Amino acid sequence: MFEAKSILTPLANLGNNTSTAGIGEPCFVPTLAAVANAVFNAIGVRIRDLPITPDKVLAALSEAKRRA
């Protein structure tokens, strides 16, 4: 599992009309949810703890089978 860290840097382009600079951080937010939903669609069991590991998948499948 990767660790996302914030890095503060001086703005390189203060001459634009909003004085902002984007570096692509919004892509982290939906990515983990998309992976979790893909796992749910594949196995039919929702994993709610990150990182999603093979051990957690097997435990969730065993629990779902036990409850059924």
PDB file of N, CA and C in Angstrom:
ATOM      1  N   MET A   1       0.851  -1.173   0.000  1.00  0.00           N
ATOM      2  CA  MET A   1       0.000   0.000   0.000  1.00  0.00           C
ATOM      3  C   MET A   1       0.888   1.225   0.000  1.00  0.00           C
ATOM      4  N   PHE A   2       0.625   2.122  -0.897  1.00  0.00           N
ATOM      5  CA  PHE A   2       1.412   3.339  -0.934  1.00  0.00           C
ATOM      6  C   PHE A   2       0.935   4.312   0.132  1.00  0.00           C
ATOM      7  N   GLU A   3       1.782   5.222   0.483  1.00  0.00           N
ATOM      8  CA  GLU A   3       1.426   6.250   1.459  1.00  0.00           C
ATOM      9  C   GLU A   3       1.408   7.596   0.746  1.00  0.00           C
ATOM     10  N   ALA A   4       0.288   8.268   0.766  1.00  0.00           N
ATOM     11  CA  ALA A   4       0.173   9.586   0.141  1.00  0.00           C
ATOM     12  C   ALA A   4       0.633  10.640   1.134  1.00  0.00           C
ATOM     13  N   LYS A   5       1.543  11.478   0.713  1.00  0.00           N
ATOM     14  CA  LYS A   5       2.057  12.539   1.572  1.00  0.00           C
ATOM     15  C   LYS A   5       1.857  13.889   0.888  1.00  0.00           C
ATOM     16  N   SER A   6       1.535  14.884   1.677  1.00  0.00           N
ATOM     17  CA  SER A   6       1.435  16.243   1.157  1.00  0.00           C
ATOM     18  C   SER A   6       2.816  16.881   1.171  1.00  0.00           C
ATOM     19  N   ILE A   7       3.155  17.510   0.083  1.00  0.00           N
ATOM     20  CA  ILE A   7       4.434  18.211  -0.010  1.00  0.00           C
ATOM     21  C   ILE A   7       4.128  19.652  -0.383  1.00  0.00           C
ATOM     22  N   LEU A   8       4.481  20.578   0.476  1.00  0.00           N
ATOM     23  CA  LEU A   8       4.255  21.993   0.207  1.00  0.00           C
ATOM     24  C   LEU A   8       5.425  22.535  -0.604  1.00  0.00           C
ATOM     25  N   THR A   9       5.097  23.178  -1.707  1.00  0.00           N
ATOM     26  CA  THR A   9       6.127  23.760  -2.569  1.00  0.00           C
ATOM     27  C   THR A   9       5.726  25.188  -2.907  1.00  0.00           C
ATOM     28  N   PRO A  10       6.703  26.026  -3.189  1.00  0.00           N
ATOM     29  CA  PRO A  10       6.347  27.384  -3.618  1.00  0.00           C
ATOM     30  C   PRO A  10       5.676  27.325  -4.995  1.00  0.00           C
ATOM     31  N   LEU A  11       4.737  28.217  -5.222  1.00  0.00           N
ATOM     32  CA  LEU A  11       4.046  28.248  -6.511  1.00  0.00           C
ATOM     33  C   LEU A  11       4.987  28.765  -7.587  1.00  0.00           C
ATOM     34  N   ALA A  12       5.012  28.050  -8.705  1.00  0.00           N
ATOM     35  CA  ALA A  12       5.914  28.422  -9.787  1.00  0.00           C
ATOM     36  C   ALA A  12       5.312  29.506 -10.680  1.00  0.00           C
ATOM     37  N   ASN A  13       3.988  29.576 -10.764  1.00  0.00           N
ATOM     38  CA  ASN A  13       3.356  30.486 -11.706  1.00  0.00           C
ATOM     39  C   ASN A  13       2.340  31.356 -10.970  1.00  0.00           C
ATOM     40  N   LEU A  14       2.794  32.410 -10.365  1.00  0.00           N
ATOM     41  CA  LEU A  14       1.865  33.320  -9.690  1.00  0.00           C
ATOM     42  C   LEU A  14       1.235  34.310 -10.659  1.00  0.00           C
ATOM     43  N   GLY A  15       1.614  34.258 -11.909  1.00  0.00           N
ATOM     44  CA  GLY A  15       1.095  35.195 -12.883  1.00  0.00           C
ATOM     45  C   GLY A  15      -0.216  34.779 -13.512  1.00  0.00           C
ATOM     46  N   ASN A  16      -0.758  33.603 -13.169  1.00  0.00           N
ATOM     47  CA  ASN A  16      -2.038  33.215 -13.770  1.00  0.00           C
ATOM     48  C   ASN A  16      -3.178  33.961 -13.075  1.00  0.00           C
ATOM     49  N   ASN A  17      -4.380  33.818 -13.570  1.00  0.00           N
ATOM     50  CA  ASN A  17      -5.483  34.618 -13.049  1.00  0.00           C
ATOM     51  C   ASN A  17      -6.010  34.153 -11.694  1.00  0.00           C
ATOM     52  N   THR A  18      -5.644  32.948 -11.242  1.00  0.00           N
ATOM     53  CA  THR A  18      -6.120  32.476  -9.941  1.00  0.00           C
ATOM     54  C   THR A  18      -5.002  32.288  -8.923  1.00  0.00           C
ATOM     55  N   SER A  19      -3.773  32.431  -9.346  1.00  0.00           N
ATOM     56  CA  SER A  19      -2.596  32.220  -8.482  1.00  0.00           C
ATOM     57  C   SER A  19      -2.599  30.835  -7.849  1.00  0.00           C
ATOM     58  N   THR A  20      -3.042  29.839  -8.597  1.00  0.00           N
ATOM     59  CA  THR A  20      -3.056  28.467  -8.107  1.00  0.00           C
ATOM     60  C   THR A  20      -2.250  27.568  -9.027  1.00  0.00           C
ATOM     61  N   ALA A  21      -1.853  26.433  -8.504  1.00  0.00           N
ATOM     62  CA  ALA A  21      -1.151  25.436  -9.303  1.00  0.00           C
ATOM     63  C   ALA A  21      -1.643  24.064  -8.872  1.00  0.00           C
ATOM     64  N   GLY A  22      -2.068  23.262  -9.811  1.00  0.00           N
ATOM     65  CA  GLY A  22      -2.527  21.916  -9.495  1.00  0.00           C
ATOM     66  C   GLY A  22      -1.418  20.909  -9.737  1.00  0.00           C
ATOM     67  N   ILE A  23      -1.365  19.885  -8.887  1.00  0.00           N
ATOM     68  CA  ILE A  23      -0.330  18.868  -9.065  1.00  0.00           C
ATOM     69  C   ILE A  23      -0.918  17.462  -9.175  1.00  0.00           C
ATOM     70  N   GLY A  24      -2.222  17.337  -9.294  1.00  0.00           N
ATOM     71  CA  GLY A  24      -2.839  16.049  -9.536  1.00  0.00           C
ATOM     72  C   GLY A  24      -3.260  15.267  -8.311  1.00  0.00           C
ATOM     73  N   GLU A  25      -3.290  15.876  -7.140  1.00  0.00           N
ATOM     74  CA  GLU A  25      -3.660  15.136  -5.933  1.00  0.00           C
ATOM     75  C   GLU A  25      -5.100  14.639  -5.917  1.00  0.00           C
ATOM     76  N   PRO A  26      -6.051  15.252  -6.608  1.00  0.00           N
ATOM     77  CA  PRO A  26      -7.424  14.724  -6.547  1.00  0.00           C
ATOM     78  C   PRO A  26      -7.565  13.301  -7.072  1.00  0.00           C
ATOM     79  N   CYS A  27      -6.635  12.826  -7.866  1.00  0.00           N
ATOM     80  CA  CYS A  27      -6.774  11.467  -8.412  1.00  0.00           C
ATOM     81  C   CYS A  27      -6.616  10.397  -7.337  1.00  0.00           C
ATOM     82  N   PHE A  28      -6.021  10.695  -6.179  1.00  0.00           N
ATOM     83  CA  PHE A  28      -5.881   9.697  -5.122  1.00  0.00           C
ATOM     84  C   PHE A  28      -7.218   9.353  -4.479  1.00  0.00           C
ATOM     85  N   VAL A  29      -8.099  10.308  -4.372  1.00  0.00           N
ATOM     86  CA  VAL A  29      -9.345  10.109  -3.633  1.00  0.00           C
ATOM     87  C   VAL A  29     -10.213   9.017  -4.257  1.00  0.00           C
ATOM     88  N   PRO A  30     -10.542   9.079  -5.542  1.00  0.00           N
ATOM     89  CA  PRO A  30     -11.424   8.050  -6.089  1.00  0.00           C
ATOM     90  C   PRO A  30     -10.726   6.733  -6.412  1.00  0.00           C
ATOM     91  N   THR A  31      -9.404   6.730  -6.489  1.00  0.00           N
ATOM     92  CA  THR A  31      -8.701   5.522  -6.910  1.00  0.00           C
ATOM     93  C   THR A  31      -8.881   4.387  -5.917  1.00  0.00           C
ATOM     94  N   LEU A  32      -8.697   4.643  -4.641  1.00  0.00           N
ATOM     95  CA  LEU A  32      -8.837   3.580  -3.644  1.00  0.00           C
ATOM     96  C   LEU A  32     -10.261   3.057  -3.579  1.00  0.00           C
ATOM     97  N   ALA A  33     -11.233   3.956  -3.700  1.00  0.00           N
ATOM     98  CA  ALA A  33     -12.635   3.528  -3.710  1.00  0.00           C
ATOM     99  C   ALA A  33     -12.937   2.679  -4.941  1.00  0.00           C
ATOM    100  N   ALA A  34     -12.365   3.039  -6.075  1.00  0.00           N
ATOM    101  CA  ALA A  34     -12.585   2.268  -7.299  1.00  0.00           C
ATOM    102  C   ALA A  34     -12.004   0.864  -7.175  1.00  0.00           C
ATOM    103  N   VAL A  35     -10.832   0.749  -6.575  1.00  0.00           N
ATOM    104  CA  VAL A  35     -10.225  -0.566  -6.365  1.00  0.00           C
ATOM    105  C   VAL A  35     -11.075  -1.391  -5.403  1.00  0.00           C
ATOM    106  N   ALA A  36     -11.533  -0.781  -4.312  1.00  0.00           N
ATOM    107  CA  ALA A  36     -12.374  -1.499  -3.351  1.00  0.00           C
ATOM    108  C   ALA A  36     -13.675  -1.963  -4.004  1.00  0.00           C
ATOM    109  N   ASN A  37     -14.269  -1.128  -4.842  1.00  0.00           N
ATOM    110  CA  ASN A  37     -15.499  -1.522  -5.542  1.00  0.00           C
ATOM    111  C   ASN A  37     -15.233  -2.626  -6.550  1.00  0.00           C
ATOM    112  N   ALA A  38     -14.079  -2.598  -7.200  1.00  0.00           N
ATOM    113  CA  ALA A  38     -13.732  -3.662  -8.143  1.00  0.00           C
ATOM    114  C   ALA A  38     -13.578  -4.996  -7.422  1.00  0.00           C
ATOM    115  N   VAL A  39     -12.973  -4.970  -6.246  1.00  0.00           N
ATOM    116  CA  VAL A  39     -12.846  -6.198  -5.446  1.00  0.00           C
ATOM    117  C   VAL A  39     -14.237  -6.692  -5.040  1.00  0.00           C
ATOM    118  N   PHE A  40     -15.103  -5.794  -4.607  1.00  0.00           N
ATOM    119  CA  PHE A  40     -16.472  -6.173  -4.244  1.00  0.00           C
ATOM    120  C   PHE A  40     -17.205  -6.795  -5.435  1.00  0.00           C
ATOM    121  N   ASN A  41     -17.078  -6.182  -6.614  1.00  0.00           N
ATOM    122  CA  ASN A  41     -17.739  -6.717  -7.806  1.00  0.00           C
ATOM    123  C   ASN A  41     -17.188  -8.089  -8.188  1.00  0.00           C
ATOM    124  N   ALA A  42     -15.908  -8.314  -7.903  1.00  0.00           N
ATOM    125  CA  ALA A  42     -15.284  -9.581  -8.272  1.00  0.00           C
ATOM    126  C   ALA A  42     -15.647 -10.706  -7.309  1.00  0.00           C
ATOM    127  N   ILE A  43     -15.708 -10.419  -6.006  1.00  0.00           N
ATOM    128  CA  ILE A  43     -15.896 -11.493  -5.032  1.00  0.00           C
ATOM    129  C   ILE A  43     -17.232 -11.445  -4.317  1.00  0.00           C
ATOM    130  N   GLY A  44     -17.955 -10.337  -4.419  1.00  0.00           N
ATOM    131  CA  GLY A  44     -19.273 -10.222  -3.793  1.00  0.00           C
ATOM    132  C   GLY A  44     -19.245  -9.915  -2.309  1.00  0.00           C
ATOM    133  N   VAL A  45     -18.084  -9.574  -1.777  1.00  0.00           N
ATOM    134  CA  VAL A  45     -17.947  -9.244  -0.357  1.00  0.00           C
ATOM    135  C   VAL A  45     -17.186  -7.922  -0.273  1.00  0.00           C
ATOM    136  N   ARG A  46     -17.692  -7.035   0.567  1.00  0.00           N
ATOM    137  CA  ARG A  46     -17.059  -5.727   0.702  1.00  0.00           C
ATOM    138  C   ARG A  46     -15.935  -5.778   1.736  1.00  0.00           C
ATOM    139  N   ILE A  47     -14.759  -5.280   1.358  1.00  0.00           N
ATOM    140  CA  ILE A  47     -13.620  -5.149   2.259  1.00  0.00           C
ATOM    141  C   ILE A  47     -13.557  -3.677   2.649  1.00  0.00           C
ATOM    142  N   ARG A  48     -13.638  -3.388   3.935  1.00  0.00           N
ATOM    143  CA  ARG A  48     -13.714  -2.000   4.380  1.00  0.00           C
ATOM    144  C   ARG A  48     -12.435  -1.490   5.024  1.00  0.00           C
ATOM    145  N   ASP A  49     -11.416  -2.316   5.106  1.00  0.00           N
ATOM    146  CA  ASP A  49     -10.139  -1.901   5.686  1.00  0.00           C
ATOM    147  C   ASP A  49      -9.063  -1.880   4.610  1.00  0.00           C
ATOM    148  N   LEU A  50      -8.265  -0.843   4.617  1.00  0.00           N
ATOM    149  CA  LEU A  50      -7.141  -0.753   3.691  1.00  0.00           C
ATOM    150  C   LEU A  50      -5.860  -1.048   4.444  1.00  0.00           C
ATOM    151  N   PRO A  51      -4.889  -1.644   3.809  1.00  0.00           N
ATOM    152  CA  PRO A  51      -4.885  -2.120   2.427  1.00  0.00           C
ATOM    153  C   PRO A  51      -5.686  -3.417   2.273  1.00  0.00           C
ATOM    154  N   ILE A  52      -6.166  -3.646   1.067  1.00  0.00           N
ATOM    155  CA  ILE A  52      -6.880  -4.878   0.766  1.00  0.00           C
ATOM    156  C   ILE A  52      -5.817  -5.927   0.434  1.00  0.00           C
ATOM    157  N   THR A  53      -5.692  -6.900   1.309  1.00  0.00           N
ATOM    158  CA  THR A  53      -4.675  -7.940   1.144  1.00  0.00           C
ATOM    159  C   THR A  53      -5.344  -9.280   0.859  1.00  0.00           C
ATOM    160  N   PRO A  54      -4.596 -10.230   0.329  1.00  0.00           N
ATOM    161  CA  PRO A  54      -5.174 -11.558   0.104  1.00  0.00           C
ATOM    162  C   PRO A  54      -5.731 -12.179   1.384  1.00  0.00           C
ATOM    163  N   ASP A  55      -5.056 -11.958   2.505  1.00  0.00           N
ATOM    164  CA  ASP A  55      -5.556 -12.497   3.776  1.00  0.00           C
ATOM    165  C   ASP A  55      -6.914 -11.910   4.142  1.00  0.00           C
ATOM    166  N   LYS A  56      -7.096 -10.610   3.933  1.00  0.00           N
ATOM    167  CA  LYS A  56      -8.381  -9.976   4.228  1.00  0.00           C
ATOM    168  C   LYS A  56      -9.471 -10.478   3.293  1.00  0.00           C
ATOM    169  N   VAL A  57      -9.115 -10.711   2.034  1.00  0.00           N
ATOM    170  CA  VAL A  57     -10.089 -11.236   1.075  1.00  0.00           C
ATOM    171  C   VAL A  57     -10.526 -12.635   1.497  1.00  0.00           C
ATOM    172  N   LEU A  58      -9.572 -13.481   1.832  1.00  0.00           N
ATOM    173  CA  LEU A  58      -9.919 -14.840   2.248  1.00  0.00           C
ATOM    174  C   LEU A  58     -10.744 -14.848   3.527  1.00  0.00           C
ATOM    175  N   ALA A  59     -10.386 -13.990   4.473  1.00  0.00           N
ATOM    176  CA  ALA A  59     -11.156 -13.905   5.720  1.00  0.00           C
ATOM    177  C   ALA A  59     -12.580 -13.424   5.453  1.00  0.00           C
ATOM    178  N   ALA A  60     -12.735 -12.437   4.585  1.00  0.00           N
ATOM    179  CA  ALA A  60     -14.070 -11.924   4.261  1.00  0.00           C
ATOM    180  C   ALA A  60     -14.901 -12.980   3.544  1.00  0.00           C
ATOM    181  N   LEU A  61     -14.284 -13.734   2.652  1.00  0.00           N
ATOM    182  CA  LEU A  61     -15.007 -14.806   1.964  1.00  0.00           C
ATOM    183  C   LEU A  61     -15.428 -15.903   2.945  1.00  0.00           C
ATOM    184  N   SER A  62     -14.552 -16.243   3.876  1.00  0.00           N
ATOM    185  CA  SER A  62     -14.888 -17.253   4.883  1.00  0.00           C
ATOM    186  C   SER A  62     -16.031 -16.785   5.769  1.00  0.00           C
ATOM    187  N   GLU A  63     -15.978 -15.512   6.160  1.00  0.00           N
ATOM    188  CA  GLU A  63     -17.048 -14.954   7.005  1.00  0.00           C
ATOM    189  C   GLU A  63     -18.387 -14.930   6.261  1.00  0.00           C
ATOM    190  N   ALA A  64     -18.350 -14.568   4.990  1.00  0.00           N
ATOM    191  CA  ALA A  64     -19.587 -14.529   4.210  1.00  0.00           C
ATOM    192  C   ALA A  64     -20.154 -15.942   4.037  1.00  0.00           C
ATOM    193  N   LYS A  65     -19.279 -16.900   3.846  1.00  0.00           N
ATOM    194  CA  LYS A  65     -19.739 -18.291   3.700  1.00  0.00           C
ATOM    195  C   LYS A  65     -20.325 -18.797   5.017  1.00  0.00           C
ATOM    196  N   ARG A  66     -19.701 -18.428   6.135  1.00  0.00           N
ATOM    197  CA  ARG A  66     -20.191 -18.853   7.444  1.00  0.00           C
ATOM    198  C   ARG A  66     -21.574 -18.276   7.742  1.00  0.00           C
ATOM    199  N   ARG A  67     -21.797 -17.021   7.317  1.00  0.00           N
ATOM    200  CA  ARG A  67     -23.086 -16.357   7.568  1.00  0.00           C
ATOM    201  C   ARG A  67     -24.195 -16.857   6.656  1.00  0.00           C
ATOM    202  N   ALA A  68     -23.836 -17.414   5.523  1.00  0.00           N
ATOM    203  CA  ALA A  68     -24.851 -17.851   4.545  1.00  0.00           C
ATOM    204  C   ALA A  68     -25.532 -19.139   4.942  1.00  0.00           C
TER     205      ALA A  68
END
